[in-house]
Amino acid sequence: MDADGFVYIVDRAKDMLIRGGENVYCAEVEAALYEHPDVLDCAVIGVPHEVLGEEVGAVVRLRPGAAAGPDGLRAFLAERIAAFKVPAHLWFRDEELPRNPSGKLLKTRLRTELLT
C-alpha cells in the first residue's frame, strides 16, 4: 500500500503465466515434474520473452544421486503435458529452494536470483 492508500499487487495474483496467449498454470507443470522419480523439489516461473510475453522456466532440485538432465526431463514432460507448457528454461539447484516460514515457495526471490 502506498502513502495515498492504493494497494498494488507486486507478484502474480494467480500462479499462472501467459505464453503467446496460452495460459500455463505453474502447478500443473510442477505436478508433472514431481512425477519424475529424480525430482525432489521444483518451482515453475515465468521468464520474459520479447515475442511470446513469457516462456516457461523451471527450477529443479534433484534427489541425491539422481542424474536427470534437461533433455530427459523435457522428454518426460512432453509425454504428460502440452508442448507449449514444457519448460524452455531449466535450472538445477543443489540447495533447497527458498521458502517462507510456512513452507510456501518464494518464487519472487527465485525470479530475482535467476533473471537479474
PDB file of N, CA and C in Angstrom:
ATOM      1  N   MET A   1       0.851  -1.161   0.000  1.00  0.00           N
ATOM      2  CA  MET A   1       0.000   0.000   0.000  1.00  0.00           C
ATOM      3  C   MET A   1       0.903   1.232   0.000  1.00  0.00           C
ATOM      4  N   ASP A   2       0.568   2.200  -0.865  1.00  0.00           N
ATOM      5  CA  ASP A   2       1.386   3.409  -0.899  1.00  0.00           C
ATOM      6  C   ASP A   2       0.827   4.466   0.057  1.00  0.00           C
ATOM      7  N   ALA A   3       1.458   5.629   0.089  1.00  0.00           N
ATOM      8  CA  ALA A   3       1.079   6.693   1.020  1.00  0.00           C
ATOM      9  C   ALA A   3      -0.342   7.204   0.771  1.00  0.00           C
ATOM     10  N   ASP A   4      -0.836   7.048  -0.473  1.00  0.00           N
ATOM     11  CA  ASP A   4      -2.182   7.511  -0.806  1.00  0.00           C
ATOM     12  C   ASP A   4      -3.249   6.449  -0.578  1.00  0.00           C
ATOM     13  N   GLY A   5      -2.861   5.292  -0.062  1.00  0.00           N
ATOM     14  CA  GLY A   5      -3.817   4.239   0.227  1.00  0.00           C
ATOM     15  C   GLY A   5      -4.090   3.281  -0.922  1.00  0.00           C
ATOM     16  N   PHE A   6      -3.343   3.395  -2.027  1.00  0.00           N
ATOM     17  CA  PHE A   6      -3.515   2.475  -3.153  1.00  0.00           C
ATOM     18  C   PHE A   6      -2.768   1.177  -2.878  1.00  0.00           C
ATOM     19  N   VAL A   7      -3.429   0.075  -3.192  1.00  0.00           N
ATOM     20  CA  VAL A   7      -2.837  -1.240  -2.997  1.00  0.00           C
ATOM     21  C   VAL A   7      -2.356  -1.756  -4.345  1.00  0.00           C
ATOM     22  N   TYR A   8      -1.151  -2.279  -4.404  1.00  0.00           N
ATOM     23  CA  TYR A   8      -0.570  -2.802  -5.633  1.00  0.00           C
ATOM     24  C   TYR A   8      -0.226  -4.269  -5.456  1.00  0.00           C
ATOM     25  N   ILE A   9      -0.500  -5.069  -6.471  1.00  0.00           N
ATOM     26  CA  ILE A   9      -0.083  -6.467  -6.476  1.00  0.00           C
ATOM     27  C   ILE A   9       1.329  -6.478  -7.038  1.00  0.00           C
ATOM     28  N   VAL A  10       2.284  -6.973  -6.259  1.00  0.00           N
ATOM     29  CA  VAL A  10       3.678  -6.950  -6.684  1.00  0.00           C
ATOM     30  C   VAL A  10       4.169  -8.319  -7.156  1.00  0.00           C
ATOM     31  N   ASP A  11       3.331  -9.303  -7.090  1.00  0.00           N
ATOM     32  CA  ASP A  11       3.649 -10.620  -7.620  1.00  0.00           C
ATOM     33  C   ASP A  11       2.401 -11.096  -8.332  1.00  0.00           C
ATOM     34  N   ARG A  12       2.388 -12.311  -8.768  1.00  0.00           N
ATOM     35  CA  ARG A  12       1.248 -12.816  -9.521  1.00  0.00           C
ATOM     36  C   ARG A  12       0.008 -12.945  -8.639  1.00  0.00           C
ATOM     37  N   ALA A  13      -1.117 -12.483  -9.172  1.00  0.00           N
ATOM     38  CA  ALA A  13      -2.373 -12.666  -8.460  1.00  0.00           C
ATOM     39  C   ALA A  13      -2.752 -14.142  -8.484  1.00  0.00           C
ATOM     40  N   LYS A  14      -2.401 -14.812  -9.553  1.00  0.00           N
ATOM     41  CA  LYS A  14      -2.616 -16.250  -9.692  1.00  0.00           C
ATOM     42  C   LYS A  14      -1.291 -16.858 -10.114  1.00  0.00           C
ATOM     43  N   ASP A  15      -1.071 -18.095  -9.769  1.00  0.00           N
ATOM     44  CA  ASP A  15       0.178 -18.762 -10.132  1.00  0.00           C
ATOM     45  C   ASP A  15       0.045 -19.301 -11.554  1.00  0.00           C
ATOM     46  N   MET A  16       0.052 -18.356 -12.498  1.00  0.00           N
ATOM     47  CA  MET A  16      -0.151 -18.683 -13.898  1.00  0.00           C
ATOM     48  C   MET A  16       0.720 -17.738 -14.721  1.00  0.00           C
ATOM     49  N   LEU A  17       1.166 -18.211 -15.871  1.00  0.00           N
ATOM     50  CA  LEU A  17       1.863 -17.340 -16.801  1.00  0.00           C
ATOM     51  C   LEU A  17       1.192 -17.467 -18.158  1.00  0.00           C
ATOM     52  N   ILE A  18       1.404 -16.460 -18.990  1.00  0.00           N
ATOM     53  CA  ILE A  18       0.778 -16.466 -20.311  1.00  0.00           C
ATOM     54  C   ILE A  18       1.883 -16.512 -21.356  1.00  0.00           C
ATOM     55  N   ARG A  19       1.908 -17.603 -22.111  1.00  0.00           N
ATOM     56  CA  ARG A  19       2.919 -17.818 -23.138  1.00  0.00           C
ATOM     57  C   ARG A  19       2.232 -17.737 -24.498  1.00  0.00           C
ATOM     58  N   GLY A  20       2.457 -16.645 -25.205  1.00  0.00           N
ATOM     59  CA  GLY A  20       1.888 -16.495 -26.542  1.00  0.00           C
ATOM     60  C   GLY A  20       0.377 -16.613 -26.564  1.00  0.00           C
ATOM     61  N   GLY A  21      -0.295 -16.111 -25.545  1.00  0.00           N
ATOM     62  CA  GLY A  21      -1.750 -16.160 -25.476  1.00  0.00           C
ATOM     63  C   GLY A  21      -2.310 -17.418 -24.820  1.00  0.00           C
ATOM     64  N   GLU A  22      -1.465 -18.359 -24.486  1.00  0.00           N
ATOM     65  CA  GLU A  22      -1.895 -19.611 -23.838  1.00  0.00           C
ATOM     66  C   GLU A  22      -1.624 -19.528 -22.341  1.00  0.00           C
ATOM     67  N   ASN A  23      -2.604 -19.893 -21.537  1.00  0.00           N
ATOM     68  CA  ASN A  23      -2.428 -19.916 -20.087  1.00  0.00           C
ATOM     69  C   ASN A  23      -1.665 -21.169 -19.674  1.00  0.00           C
ATOM     70  N   VAL A  24      -0.645 -20.966 -18.862  1.00  0.00           N
ATOM     71  CA  VAL A  24       0.125 -22.083 -18.312  1.00  0.00           C
ATOM     72  C   VAL A  24       0.047 -21.973 -16.796  1.00  0.00           C
ATOM     73  N   TYR A  25      -0.598 -22.951 -16.187  1.00  0.00           N
ATOM     74  CA  TYR A  25      -0.701 -22.970 -14.729  1.00  0.00           C
ATOM     75  C   TYR A  25       0.541 -23.652 -14.165  1.00  0.00           C
ATOM     76  N   CYS A  26       1.273 -22.902 -13.367  1.00  0.00           N
ATOM     77  CA  CYS A  26       2.534 -23.398 -12.813  1.00  0.00           C
ATOM     78  C   CYS A  26       2.338 -24.704 -12.051  1.00  0.00           C
ATOM     79  N   ALA A  27       1.258 -24.806 -11.307  1.00  0.00           N
ATOM     80  CA  ALA A  27       1.002 -26.010 -10.507  1.00  0.00           C
ATOM     81  C   ALA A  27       0.886 -27.251 -11.394  1.00  0.00           C
ATOM     82  N   GLU A  28       0.327 -27.104 -12.589  1.00  0.00           N
ATOM     83  CA  GLU A  28       0.199 -28.248 -13.496  1.00  0.00           C
ATOM     84  C   GLU A  28       1.569 -28.745 -13.958  1.00  0.00           C
ATOM     85  N   VAL A  29       2.442 -27.813 -14.310  1.00  0.00           N
ATOM     86  CA  VAL A  29       3.791 -28.193 -14.756  1.00  0.00           C
ATOM     87  C   VAL A  29       4.577 -28.768 -13.583  1.00  0.00           C
ATOM     88  N   GLU A  30       4.444 -28.165 -12.410  1.00  0.00           N
ATOM     89  CA  GLU A  30       5.132 -28.684 -11.224  1.00  0.00           C
ATOM     90  C   GLU A  30       4.653 -30.090 -10.891  1.00  0.00           C
ATOM     91  N   ALA A  31       3.356 -30.341 -10.980  1.00  0.00           N
ATOM     92  CA  ALA A  31       2.826 -31.685 -10.695  1.00  0.00           C
ATOM     93  C   ALA A  31       3.416 -32.710 -11.656  1.00  0.00           C
ATOM     94  N   ALA A  32       3.560 -32.344 -12.923  1.00  0.00           N
ATOM     95  CA  ALA A  32       4.160 -33.258 -13.902  1.00  0.00           C
ATOM     96  C   ALA A  32       5.634 -33.497 -13.588  1.00  0.00           C
ATOM     97  N   LEU A  33       6.342 -32.458 -13.165  1.00  0.00           N
ATOM     98  CA  LEU A  33       7.745 -32.623 -12.779  1.00  0.00           C
ATOM     99  C   LEU A  33       7.883 -33.550 -11.581  1.00  0.00           C
ATOM    100  N   TYR A  34       6.991 -33.409 -10.596  1.00  0.00           N
ATOM    101  CA  TYR A  34       7.053 -34.253  -9.404  1.00  0.00           C
ATOM    102  C   TYR A  34       6.810 -35.723  -9.719  1.00  0.00           C
ATOM    103  N   GLU A  35       6.219 -36.030 -10.854  1.00  0.00           N
ATOM    104  CA  GLU A  35       6.030 -37.418 -11.249  1.00  0.00           C
ATOM    105  C   GLU A  35       7.344 -38.090 -11.636  1.00  0.00           C
ATOM    106  N   HIS A  36       8.345 -37.295 -11.992  1.00  0.00           N
ATOM    107  CA  HIS A  36       9.650 -37.862 -12.365  1.00  0.00           C
ATOM    108  C   HIS A  36      10.341 -38.361 -11.095  1.00  0.00           C
ATOM    109  N   PRO A  37      10.839 -39.575 -11.104  1.00  0.00           N
ATOM    110  CA  PRO A  37      11.425 -40.143  -9.881  1.00  0.00           C
ATOM    111  C   PRO A  37      12.681 -39.423  -9.379  1.00  0.00           C
ATOM    112  N   ASP A  38      13.360 -38.660 -10.231  1.00  0.00           N
ATOM    113  CA  ASP A  38      14.575 -37.961  -9.810  1.00  0.00           C
ATOM    114  C   ASP A  38      14.314 -36.581  -9.215  1.00  0.00           C
ATOM    115  N   VAL A  39      13.100 -36.068  -9.345  1.00  0.00           N
ATOM    116  CA  VAL A  39      12.801 -34.703  -8.902  1.00  0.00           C
ATOM    117  C   VAL A  39      12.387 -34.709  -7.436  1.00  0.00           C
ATOM    118  N   LEU A  40      13.151 -33.980  -6.633  1.00  0.00           N
ATOM    119  CA  LEU A  40      12.858 -33.830  -5.207  1.00  0.00           C
ATOM    120  C   LEU A  40      11.994 -32.599  -4.959  1.00  0.00           C
ATOM    121  N   ASP A  41      12.309 -31.507  -5.636  1.00  0.00           N
ATOM    122  CA  ASP A  41      11.588 -30.256  -5.455  1.00  0.00           C
ATOM    123  C   ASP A  41      11.663 -29.461  -6.749  1.00  0.00           C
ATOM    124  N   CYS A  42      10.688 -28.582  -6.968  1.00  0.00           N
ATOM    125  CA  CYS A  42      10.706 -27.767  -8.184  1.00  0.00           C
ATOM    126  C   CYS A  42       9.821 -26.544  -8.017  1.00  0.00           C
ATOM    127  N   ALA A  43      10.052 -25.573  -8.880  1.00  0.00           N
ATOM    128  CA  ALA A  43       9.230 -24.364  -8.941  1.00  0.00           C
ATOM    129  C   ALA A  43       9.195 -23.916 -10.390  1.00  0.00           C
ATOM    130  N   VAL A  44       8.033 -23.536 -10.858  1.00  0.00           N
ATOM    131  CA  VAL A  44       7.874 -23.055 -12.231  1.00  0.00           C
ATOM    132  C   VAL A  44       7.629 -21.552 -12.177  1.00  0.00           C
ATOM    133  N   ILE A  45       8.361 -20.820 -13.025  1.00  0.00           N
ATOM    134  CA  ILE A  45       8.267 -19.361 -13.066  1.00  0.00           C
ATOM    135  C   ILE A  45       8.145 -18.896 -14.511  1.00  0.00           C
ATOM    136  N   GLY A  46       7.647 -17.691 -14.681  1.00  0.00           N
ATOM    137  CA  GLY A  46       7.593 -17.077 -15.998  1.00  0.00           C
ATOM    138  C   GLY A  46       8.903 -16.383 -16.305  1.00  0.00           C
ATOM    139  N   VAL A  47       9.409 -16.599 -17.521  1.00  0.00           N
ATOM    140  CA  VAL A  47      10.644 -15.970 -17.979  1.00  0.00           C
ATOM    141  C   VAL A  47      10.270 -15.008 -19.109  1.00  0.00           C
ATOM    142  N   PRO A  48      10.622 -13.725 -18.987  1.00  0.00           N
ATOM    143  CA  PRO A  48      10.239 -12.764 -20.020  1.00  0.00           C
ATOM    144  C   PRO A  48      10.736 -13.173 -21.414  1.00  0.00           C
ATOM    145  N   HIS A  49       9.878 -12.936 -22.422  1.00  0.00           N
ATOM    146  CA  HIS A  49      10.213 -13.237 -23.814  1.00  0.00           C
ATOM    147  C   HIS A  49       9.663 -12.100 -24.675  1.00  0.00           C
ATOM    148  N   GLU A  50      10.470 -11.607 -25.611  1.00  0.00           N
ATOM    149  CA  GLU A  50      10.087 -10.443 -26.414  1.00  0.00           C
ATOM    150  C   GLU A  50       8.850 -10.680 -27.273  1.00  0.00           C
ATOM    151  N   VAL A  51       8.700 -11.866 -27.824  1.00  0.00           N
ATOM    152  CA  VAL A  51       7.597 -12.149 -28.737  1.00  0.00           C
ATOM    153  C   VAL A  51       6.420 -12.803 -28.023  1.00  0.00           C
ATOM    154  N   LEU A  52       6.692 -13.806 -27.204  1.00  0.00           N
ATOM    155  CA  LEU A  52       5.635 -14.588 -26.556  1.00  0.00           C
ATOM    156  C   LEU A  52       5.091 -13.959 -25.275  1.00  0.00           C
ATOM    157  N   GLY A  53       5.765 -12.968 -24.767  1.00  0.00           N
ATOM    158  CA  GLY A  53       5.392 -12.384 -23.476  1.00  0.00           C
ATOM    159  C   GLY A  53       6.140 -13.066 -22.352  1.00  0.00           C
ATOM    160  N   GLU A  54       5.939 -14.366 -22.225  1.00  0.00           N
ATOM    161  CA  GLU A  54       6.655 -15.166 -21.232  1.00  0.00           C
ATOM    162  C   GLU A  54       6.904 -16.556 -21.795  1.00  0.00           C
ATOM    163  N   GLU A  55       7.920 -17.174 -21.260  1.00  0.00           N
ATOM    164  CA  GLU A  55       8.188 -18.592 -21.516  1.00  0.00           C
ATOM    165  C   GLU A  55       8.174 -19.303 -20.174  1.00  0.00           C
ATOM    166  N   VAL A  56       8.050 -20.622 -20.249  1.00  0.00           N
ATOM    167  CA  VAL A  56       8.030 -21.428 -19.028  1.00  0.00           C
ATOM    168  C   VAL A  56       9.462 -21.710 -18.593  1.00  0.00           C
ATOM    169  N   GLY A  57       9.741 -21.467 -17.323  1.00  0.00           N
ATOM    170  CA  GLY A  57      11.026 -21.803 -16.739  1.00  0.00           C
ATOM    171  C   GLY A  57      10.797 -22.648 -15.501  1.00  0.00           C
ATOM    172  N   ALA A  58      11.708 -23.564 -15.225  1.00  0.00           N
ATOM    173  CA  ALA A  58      11.580 -24.418 -14.049  1.00  0.00           C
ATOM    174  C   ALA A  58      12.908 -24.505 -13.312  1.00  0.00           C
ATOM    175  N   VAL A  59      12.822 -24.405 -12.006  1.00  0.00           N
ATOM    176  CA  VAL A  59      13.969 -24.609 -11.130  1.00  0.00           C
ATOM    177  C   VAL A  59      13.759 -25.972 -10.489  1.00  0.00           C
ATOM    178  N   VAL A  60      14.754 -26.837 -10.613  1.00  0.00           N
ATOM    179  CA  VAL A  60      14.598 -28.225 -10.181  1.00  0.00           C
ATOM    180  C   VAL A  60      15.713 -28.597  -9.207  1.00  0.00           C
ATOM    181  N   ARG A  61      15.323 -29.263  -8.152  1.00  0.00           N
ATOM    182  CA  ARG A  61      16.282 -29.872  -7.223  1.00  0.00           C
ATOM    183  C   ARG A  61      16.097 -31.375  -7.335  1.00  0.00           C
ATOM    184  N   LEU A  62      17.173 -32.052  -7.710  1.00  0.00           N
ATOM    185  CA  LEU A  62      17.116 -33.499  -7.893  1.00  0.00           C
ATOM    186  C   LEU A  62      17.388 -34.220  -6.577  1.00  0.00           C
ATOM    187  N   ARG A  63      16.922 -35.450  -6.509  1.00  0.00           N
ATOM    188  CA  ARG A  63      17.203 -36.294  -5.346  1.00  0.00           C
ATOM    189  C   ARG A  63      18.708 -36.598  -5.310  1.00  0.00           C
ATOM    190  N   PRO A  64      19.257 -36.837  -4.139  1.00  0.00           N
ATOM    191  CA  PRO A  64      20.682 -37.180  -4.048  1.00  0.00           C
ATOM    192  C   PRO A  64      21.009 -38.388  -4.935  1.00  0.00           C
ATOM    193  N   GLY A  65      22.055 -38.255  -5.720  1.00  0.00           N
ATOM    194  CA  GLY A  65      22.493 -39.335  -6.592  1.00  0.00           C
ATOM    195  C   GLY A  65      21.768 -39.404  -7.927  1.00  0.00           C
ATOM    196  N   ALA A  66      20.744 -38.588  -8.125  1.00  0.00           N
ATOM    197  CA  ALA A  66      19.989 -38.597  -9.389  1.00  0.00           C
ATOM    198  C   ALA A  66      20.791 -37.901 -10.473  1.00  0.00           C
ATOM    199  N   ALA A  67      20.528 -38.300 -11.707  1.00  0.00           N
ATOM    200  CA  ALA A  67      21.312 -37.758 -12.822  1.00  0.00           C
ATOM    201  C   ALA A  67      20.443 -37.269 -13.975  1.00  0.00           C
ATOM    202  N   ALA A  68      19.192 -36.954 -13.725  1.00  0.00           N
ATOM    203  CA  ALA A  68      18.323 -36.461 -14.801  1.00  0.00           C
ATOM    204  C   ALA A  68      18.885 -35.153 -15.346  1.00  0.00           C
ATOM    205  N   GLY A  69      18.809 -35.007 -16.649  1.00  0.00           N
ATOM    206  CA  GLY A  69      19.287 -33.790 -17.299  1.00  0.00           C
ATOM    207  C   GLY A  69      18.142 -33.058 -17.977  1.00  0.00           C
ATOM    208  N   PRO A  70      18.438 -31.900 -18.558  1.00  0.00           N
ATOM    209  CA  PRO A  70      17.386 -31.104 -19.193  1.00  0.00           C
ATOM    210  C   PRO A  70      16.634 -31.847 -20.301  1.00  0.00           C
ATOM    211  N   ASP A  71      17.355 -32.524 -21.176  1.00  0.00           N
ATOM    212  CA  ASP A  71      16.701 -33.222 -22.284  1.00  0.00           C
ATOM    213  C   ASP A  71      15.800 -34.345 -21.784  1.00  0.00           C
ATOM    214  N   GLY A  72      16.257 -35.084 -20.792  1.00  0.00           N
ATOM    215  CA  GLY A  72      15.465 -36.172 -20.239  1.00  0.00           C
ATOM    216  C   GLY A  72      14.203 -35.672 -19.554  1.00  0.00           C
ATOM    217  N   LEU A  73      14.328 -34.576 -18.804  1.00  0.00           N
ATOM    218  CA  LEU A  73      13.154 -34.019 -18.136  1.00  0.00           C
ATOM    219  C   LEU A  73      12.153 -33.483 -19.151  1.00  0.00           C
ATOM    220  N   ARG A  74      12.648 -32.811 -20.194  1.00  0.00           N
ATOM    221  CA  ARG A  74      11.738 -32.286 -21.214  1.00  0.00           C
ATOM    222  C   ARG A  74      11.016 -33.421 -21.940  1.00  0.00           C
ATOM    223  N   ALA A  75      11.724 -34.494 -22.251  1.00  0.00           N
ATOM    224  CA  ALA A  75      11.086 -35.643 -22.912  1.00  0.00           C
ATOM    225  C   ALA A  75      10.032 -36.260 -22.004  1.00  0.00           C
ATOM    226  N   PHE A  76      10.346 -36.376 -20.736  1.00  0.00           N
ATOM    227  CA  PHE A  76       9.405 -36.911 -19.748  1.00  0.00           C
ATOM    228  C   PHE A  76       8.139 -36.047 -19.695  1.00  0.00           C
ATOM    229  N   LEU A  77       8.327 -34.729 -19.639  1.00  0.00           N
ATOM    230  CA  LEU A  77       7.188 -33.819 -19.566  1.00  0.00           C
ATOM    231  C   LEU A  77       6.373 -33.815 -20.852  1.00  0.00           C
ATOM    232  N   ALA A  78       7.039 -33.960 -21.985  1.00  0.00           N
ATOM    233  CA  ALA A  78       6.344 -33.942 -23.274  1.00  0.00           C
ATOM    234  C   ALA A  78       5.311 -35.060 -23.384  1.00  0.00           C
ATOM    235  N   GLU A  79       5.501 -36.119 -22.617  1.00  0.00           N
ATOM    236  CA  GLU A  79       4.542 -37.223 -22.613  1.00  0.00           C
ATOM    237  C   GLU A  79       3.345 -36.947 -21.691  1.00  0.00           C
ATOM    238  N   ARG A  80       3.436 -35.885 -20.886  1.00  0.00           N
ATOM    239  CA  ARG A  80       2.419 -35.642 -19.869  1.00  0.00           C
ATOM    240  C   ARG A  80       1.656 -34.329 -20.023  1.00  0.00           C
ATOM    241  N   ILE A  81       2.294 -33.331 -20.607  1.00  0.00           N
ATOM    242  CA  ILE A  81       1.646 -32.023 -20.749  1.00  0.00           C
ATOM    243  C   ILE A  81       1.829 -31.503 -22.171  1.00  0.00           C
ATOM    244  N   ALA A  82       1.059 -30.498 -22.521  1.00  0.00           N
ATOM    245  CA  ALA A  82       1.135 -29.910 -23.865  1.00  0.00           C
ATOM    246  C   ALA A  82       2.524 -29.334 -24.120  1.00  0.00           C
ATOM    247  N   ALA A  83       2.927 -29.353 -25.362  1.00  0.00           N
ATOM    248  CA  ALA A  83       4.276 -28.917 -25.745  1.00  0.00           C
ATOM    249  C   ALA A  83       4.570 -27.477 -25.308  1.00  0.00           C
ATOM    250  N   PHE A  84       3.581 -26.587 -25.393  1.00  0.00           N
ATOM    251  CA  PHE A  84       3.832 -25.189 -25.020  1.00  0.00           C
ATOM    252  C   PHE A  84       4.033 -25.009 -23.514  1.00  0.00           C
ATOM    253  N   LYS A  85       3.718 -26.032 -22.721  1.00  0.00           N
ATOM    254  CA  LYS A  85       3.898 -25.972 -21.269  1.00  0.00           C
ATOM    255  C   LYS A  85       5.241 -26.542 -20.812  1.00  0.00           C
ATOM    256  N   VAL A  86       5.937 -27.235 -21.690  1.00  0.00           N
ATOM    257  CA  VAL A  86       7.239 -27.818 -21.343  1.00  0.00           C
ATOM    258  C   VAL A  86       8.240 -26.678 -21.164  1.00  0.00           C
ATOM    259  N   PRO A  87       8.967 -26.643 -20.050  1.00  0.00           N
ATOM    260  CA  PRO A  87       9.884 -25.529 -19.788  1.00  0.00           C
ATOM    261  C   PRO A  87      10.950 -25.349 -20.870  1.00  0.00           C
ATOM    262  N   ALA A  88      11.048 -24.112 -21.347  1.00  0.00           N
ATOM    263  CA  ALA A  88      12.112 -23.749 -22.285  1.00  0.00           C
ATOM    264  C   ALA A  88      13.417 -23.521 -21.533  1.00  0.00           C
ATOM    265  N   HIS A  89      13.295 -23.185 -20.261  1.00  0.00           N
ATOM    266  CA  HIS A  89      14.457 -22.911 -19.410  1.00  0.00           C
ATOM    267  C   HIS A  89      14.405 -23.836 -18.201  1.00  0.00           C
ATOM    268  N   LEU A  90      15.516 -24.488 -17.915  1.00  0.00           N
ATOM    269  CA  LEU A  90      15.637 -25.347 -16.738  1.00  0.00           C
ATOM    270  C   LEU A  90      16.891 -24.968 -15.973  1.00  0.00           C
ATOM    271  N   TRP A  91      16.730 -24.761 -14.681  1.00  0.00           N
ATOM    272  CA  TRP A  91      17.857 -24.514 -13.793  1.00  0.00           C
ATOM    273  C   TRP A  91      17.869 -25.610 -12.749  1.00  0.00           C
ATOM    274  N   PHE A  92      19.045 -26.119 -12.453  1.00  0.00           N
ATOM    275  CA  PHE A  92      19.196 -27.157 -11.439  1.00  0.00           C
ATOM    276  C   PHE A  92      19.901 -26.558 -10.227  1.00  0.00           C
ATOM    277  N   ARG A  93      19.391 -26.901  -9.043  1.00  0.00           N
ATOM    278  CA  ARG A  93      19.973 -26.408  -7.792  1.00  0.00           C
ATOM    279  C   ARG A  93      20.267 -27.579  -6.876  1.00  0.00           C
ATOM    280  N   ASP A  94      21.370 -27.467  -6.167  1.00  0.00           N
ATOM    281  CA  ASP A  94      21.716 -28.470  -5.165  1.00  0.00           C
ATOM    282  C   ASP A  94      21.101 -28.128  -3.812  1.00  0.00           C
ATOM    283  N   GLU A  95      20.963 -26.823  -3.549  1.00  0.00           N
ATOM    284  CA  GLU A  95      20.429 -26.388  -2.258  1.00  0.00           C
ATOM    285  C   GLU A  95      18.904 -26.318  -2.306  1.00  0.00           C
ATOM    286  N   GLU A  96      18.313 -26.216  -1.126  1.00  0.00           N
ATOM    287  CA  GLU A  96      16.862 -26.138  -1.029  1.00  0.00           C
ATOM    288  C   GLU A  96      16.344 -24.885  -1.726  1.00  0.00           C
ATOM    289  N   LEU A  97      15.146 -24.974  -2.270  1.00  0.00           N
ATOM    290  CA  LEU A  97      14.509 -23.814  -2.874  1.00  0.00           C
ATOM    291  C   LEU A  97      14.021 -22.896  -1.754  1.00  0.00           C
ATOM    292  N   PRO A  98      14.056 -21.578  -1.978  1.00  0.00           N
ATOM    293  CA  PRO A  98      13.669 -20.649  -0.904  1.00  0.00           C
ATOM    294  C   PRO A  98      12.184 -20.755  -0.566  1.00  0.00           C
ATOM    295  N   ARG A  99      11.906 -20.781   0.715  1.00  0.00           N
ATOM    296  CA  ARG A  99      10.531 -20.880   1.210  1.00  0.00           C
ATOM    297  C   ARG A  99      10.340 -19.909   2.368  1.00  0.00           C
ATOM    298  N   ASN A 100       9.096 -19.515   2.577  1.00  0.00           N
ATOM    299  CA  ASN A 100       8.797 -18.669   3.728  1.00  0.00           C
ATOM    300  C   ASN A 100       8.622 -19.575   4.954  1.00  0.00           C
ATOM    301  N   PRO A 101       8.413 -19.000   6.145  1.00  0.00           N
ATOM    302  CA  PRO A 101       8.297 -19.832   7.356  1.00  0.00           C
ATOM    303  C   PRO A 101       7.177 -20.879   7.307  1.00  0.00           C
ATOM    304  N   SER A 102       6.137 -20.629   6.513  1.00  0.00           N
ATOM    305  CA  SER A 102       5.058 -21.615   6.428  1.00  0.00           C
ATOM    306  C   SER A 102       5.306 -22.654   5.337  1.00  0.00           C
ATOM    307  N   GLY A 103       6.434 -22.555   4.631  1.00  0.00           N
ATOM    308  CA  GLY A 103       6.797 -23.567   3.649  1.00  0.00           C
ATOM    309  C   GLY A 103       6.429 -23.242   2.215  1.00  0.00           C
ATOM    310  N   LYS A 104       5.842 -22.074   1.971  1.00  0.00           N
ATOM    311  CA  LYS A 104       5.453 -21.700   0.608  1.00  0.00           C
ATOM    312  C   LYS A 104       6.681 -21.254  -0.177  1.00  0.00           C
ATOM    313  N   LEU A 105       6.772 -21.728  -1.428  1.00  0.00           N
ATOM    314  CA  LEU A 105       7.888 -21.346  -2.287  1.00  0.00           C
ATOM    315  C   LEU A 105       7.911 -19.840  -2.510  1.00  0.00           C
ATOM    316  N   LEU A 106       9.093 -19.264  -2.466  1.00  0.00           N
ATOM    317  CA  LEU A 106       9.267 -17.837  -2.714  1.00  0.00           C
ATOM    318  C   LEU A 106       9.696 -17.641  -4.163  1.00  0.00           C
ATOM    319  N   LYS A 107       8.728 -17.705  -5.061  1.00  0.00           N
ATOM    320  CA  LYS A 107       9.024 -17.621  -6.487  1.00  0.00           C
ATOM    321  C   LYS A 107       9.537 -16.238  -6.878  1.00  0.00           C
ATOM    322  N   THR A 108       9.110 -15.216  -6.162  1.00  0.00           N
ATOM    323  CA  THR A 108       9.616 -13.871  -6.443  1.00  0.00           C
ATOM    324  C   THR A 108      11.118 -13.832  -6.230  1.00  0.00           C
ATOM    325  N   ARG A 109      11.573 -14.448  -5.159  1.00  0.00           N
ATOM    326  CA  ARG A 109      13.019 -14.482  -4.878  1.00  0.00           C
ATOM    327  C   ARG A 109      13.750 -15.287  -5.956  1.00  0.00           C
ATOM    328  N   LEU A 110      13.166 -16.405  -6.372  1.00  0.00           N
ATOM    329  CA  LEU A 110      13.793 -17.198  -7.431  1.00  0.00           C
ATOM    330  C   LEU A 110      13.927 -16.391  -8.717  1.00  0.00           C
ATOM    331  N   ARG A 111      12.845 -15.705  -9.105  1.00  0.00           N
ATOM    332  CA  ARG A 111      12.894 -14.893 -10.327  1.00  0.00           C
ATOM    333  C   ARG A 111      13.971 -13.829 -10.227  1.00  0.00           C
ATOM    334  N   THR A 112      14.062 -13.188  -9.069  1.00  0.00           N
ATOM    335  CA  THR A 112      15.078 -12.156  -8.880  1.00  0.00           C
ATOM    336  C   THR A 112      16.474 -12.741  -8.991  1.00  0.00           C
ATOM    337  N   GLU A 113      16.714 -13.868  -8.340  1.00  0.00           N
ATOM    338  CA  GLU A 113      18.038 -14.508  -8.383  1.00  0.00           C
ATOM    339  C   GLU A 113      18.424 -14.934  -9.799  1.00  0.00           C
ATOM    340  N   LEU A 114      17.462 -15.487 -10.537  1.00  0.00           N
ATOM    341  CA  LEU A 114      17.773 -16.070 -11.837  1.00  0.00           C
ATOM    342  C   LEU A 114      17.716 -15.102 -13.000  1.00  0.00           C
ATOM    343  N   LEU A 115      16.897 -14.084 -12.913  1.00  0.00           N
ATOM    344  CA  LEU A 115      16.650 -13.249 -14.079  1.00  0.00           C
ATOM    345  C   LEU A 115      17.221 -11.849 -14.009  1.00  0.00           C
ATOM    346  N   THR A 116      17.935 -11.534 -12.916  1.00  0.00           N
ATOM    347  CA  THR A 116      18.529 -10.187 -12.852  1.00  0.00           C
ATOM    348  C   THR A 116      20.032 -10.267 -12.831  1.00  0.00           C
TER     349      THR A 116
END
